[in-house]
Amino acid sequence: MDLELTETYQEIISQTIAWEEAIKVVRHSTPSFHTQWKRGHVTNAIFTVCGSTYYLSLSAASFFQEMKGIPSRAATAGEPYL
């Protein structure tokens, strides 16, 4: 099997491009989370994820809440939509 022809491989190697685009979107959104956070306007945080990273997001939300004192929780990517 040629690994480079698999969908999984293609998804993995495209992650740097996807993350670069996501960072651009976040940086250019108005108002940005960082700006709102600095101004003290962030009252809650939701860590959204898909698949097995949900368990990591549970830890991240708990850690973020403990460190920043901002109520935080983890949610699967479909939950906010519902």
C-alpha atoms as a PDB file:
ATOM      1  CA  MET A   1       0.000   0.000   0.000  1.00  0.00           C
ATOM      2  CA  ASP A   2       1.294   3.423  -0.919  1.00  0.00           C
ATOM      3  CA  LEU A   3       0.859   5.425   2.284  1.00  0.00           C
ATOM      4  CA  GLU A   4       0.962   8.760   0.450  1.00  0.00           C
ATOM      5  CA  LEU A   5      -2.239   7.859  -1.388  1.00  0.00           C
ATOM      6  CA  THR A   6      -4.324   7.331   1.748  1.00  0.00           C
ATOM      7  CA  GLU A   7      -6.845   9.891   2.970  1.00  0.00           C
ATOM      8  CA  THR A   8      -5.446   9.726   6.497  1.00  0.00           C
ATOM      9  CA  TYR A   9      -1.930  10.537   5.335  1.00  0.00           C
ATOM     10  CA  GLN A  10      -3.162  13.452   3.226  1.00  0.00           C
ATOM     11  CA  GLU A  11      -5.154  14.786   6.187  1.00  0.00           C
ATOM     12  CA  ILE A  12      -2.127  14.586   8.468  1.00  0.00           C
ATOM     13  CA  ILE A  13       0.270  16.353   6.108  1.00  0.00           C
ATOM     14  CA  SER A  14      -2.266  19.121   5.396  1.00  0.00           C
ATOM     15  CA  GLN A  15      -2.541  20.083   9.077  1.00  0.00           C
ATOM     16  CA  THR A  16       0.131  22.807   8.921  1.00  0.00           C
ATOM     17  CA  ILE A  17      -1.782  24.576   6.170  1.00  0.00           C
ATOM     18  CA  ALA A  18      -5.077  24.183   8.020  1.00  0.00           C
ATOM     19  CA  TRP A  19      -3.591  25.582  11.240  1.00  0.00           C
ATOM     20  CA  GLU A  20      -1.985  28.524   9.424  1.00  0.00           C
ATOM     21  CA  GLU A  21      -5.367  29.403   7.928  1.00  0.00           C
ATOM     22  CA  ALA A  22      -7.133  29.015  11.278  1.00  0.00           C
ATOM     23  CA  ILE A  23      -4.608  31.318  12.965  1.00  0.00           C
ATOM     24  CA  LYS A  24      -5.125  33.945  10.239  1.00  0.00           C
ATOM     25  CA  VAL A  25      -8.888  33.819  10.744  1.00  0.00           C
ATOM     26  CA  VAL A  26      -8.576  34.193  14.512  1.00  0.00           C
ATOM     27  CA  ARG A  27      -6.059  37.035  14.256  1.00  0.00           C
ATOM     28  CA  HIS A  28      -8.229  38.960  11.820  1.00  0.00           C
ATOM     29  CA  SER A  29     -11.555  38.395  13.530  1.00  0.00           C
ATOM     30  CA  THR A  30     -13.098  41.356  15.286  1.00  0.00           C
ATOM     31  CA  PRO A  31     -13.066  41.480  18.216  1.00  0.00           C
ATOM     32  CA  SER A  32     -10.442  38.842  18.839  1.00  0.00           C
ATOM     33  CA  PHE A  33     -10.571  36.545  21.845  1.00  0.00           C
ATOM     34  CA  HIS A  34      -7.197  37.865  22.984  1.00  0.00           C
ATOM     35  CA  THR A  35      -8.391  41.485  22.893  1.00  0.00           C
ATOM     36  CA  GLN A  36     -11.611  40.651  24.716  1.00  0.00           C
ATOM     37  CA  TRP A  37      -9.717  38.623  27.294  1.00  0.00           C
ATOM     38  CA  LYS A  38      -7.299  41.476  27.984  1.00  0.00           C
ATOM     39  CA  ARG A  39     -10.231  43.832  28.464  1.00  0.00           C
ATOM     40  CA  GLY A  40     -11.832  41.423  30.906  1.00  0.00           C
ATOM     41  CA  HIS A  41     -14.844  40.694  28.692  1.00  0.00           C
ATOM     42  CA  VAL A  42     -14.413  36.929  28.551  1.00  0.00           C
ATOM     43  CA  THR A  43     -16.827  35.364  31.006  1.00  0.00           C
ATOM     44  CA  ASN A  44     -16.807  31.732  29.799  1.00  0.00           C
ATOM     45  CA  ALA A  45     -14.647  29.498  27.615  1.00  0.00           C
ATOM     46  CA  ILE A  46     -15.676  26.445  25.635  1.00  0.00           C
ATOM     47  CA  PHE A  47     -13.021  24.128  24.221  1.00  0.00           C
ATOM     48  CA  THR A  48     -14.536  22.487  21.140  1.00  0.00           C
ATOM     49  CA  VAL A  49     -13.032  19.401  19.542  1.00  0.00           C
ATOM     50  CA  CYS A  50     -13.793  16.294  17.520  1.00  0.00           C
ATOM     51  CA  GLY A  51     -13.046  12.676  18.265  1.00  0.00           C
ATOM     52  CA  SER A  52     -10.506  11.409  20.744  1.00  0.00           C
ATOM     53  CA  THR A  53      -9.128  14.872  21.508  1.00  0.00           C
ATOM     54  CA  TYR A  54     -12.286  15.408  23.557  1.00  0.00           C
ATOM     55  CA  TYR A  55     -10.466  13.864  26.508  1.00  0.00           C
ATOM     56  CA  LEU A  56      -7.617  16.335  26.073  1.00  0.00           C
ATOM     57  CA  SER A  57     -10.104  19.207  25.949  1.00  0.00           C
ATOM     58  CA  LEU A  58     -11.564  18.126  29.290  1.00  0.00           C
ATOM     59  CA  SER A  59      -8.132  18.570  30.838  1.00  0.00           C
ATOM     60  CA  ALA A  60      -7.474  21.823  28.979  1.00  0.00           C
ATOM     61  CA  ALA A  61     -10.770  23.345  30.091  1.00  0.00           C
ATOM     62  CA  SER A  62     -10.152  22.336  33.675  1.00  0.00           C
ATOM     63  CA  PHE A  63      -6.601  23.701  33.597  1.00  0.00           C
ATOM     64  CA  PHE A  64      -7.691  26.958  31.937  1.00  0.00           C
ATOM     65  CA  GLN A  65     -10.430  27.473  34.508  1.00  0.00           C
ATOM     66  CA  GLU A  66      -8.041  26.787  37.375  1.00  0.00           C
ATOM     67  CA  MET A  67      -5.337  29.127  36.021  1.00  0.00           C
ATOM     68  CA  LYS A  68      -7.519  32.001  34.776  1.00  0.00           C
ATOM     69  CA  GLY A  69     -10.586  31.743  37.000  1.00  0.00           C
ATOM     70  CA  ILE A  70     -12.843  31.815  33.944  1.00  0.00           C
ATOM     71  CA  PRO A  71     -15.605  29.177  33.910  1.00  0.00           C
ATOM     72  CA  SER A  72     -14.635  26.689  31.186  1.00  0.00           C
ATOM     73  CA  ARG A  73     -15.893  23.438  29.755  1.00  0.00           C
ATOM     74  CA  ALA A  74     -15.212  21.013  26.949  1.00  0.00           C
ATOM     75  CA  ALA A  75     -17.715  20.209  24.210  1.00  0.00           C
ATOM     76  CA  THR A  76     -17.738  18.140  21.082  1.00  0.00           C
ATOM     77  CA  ALA A  77     -17.798  20.300  17.972  1.00  0.00           C
ATOM     78  CA  GLY A  78     -21.458  19.551  17.329  1.00  0.00           C
ATOM     79  CA  GLU A  79     -22.679  20.574  20.778  1.00  0.00           C
ATOM     80  CA  PRO A  80     -22.562  24.384  20.373  1.00  0.00           C
ATOM     81  CA  TYR A  81     -24.558  24.000  17.173  1.00  0.00           C
ATOM     82  CA  LEU A  82     -27.267  22.062  18.981  1.00  0.00           C
END
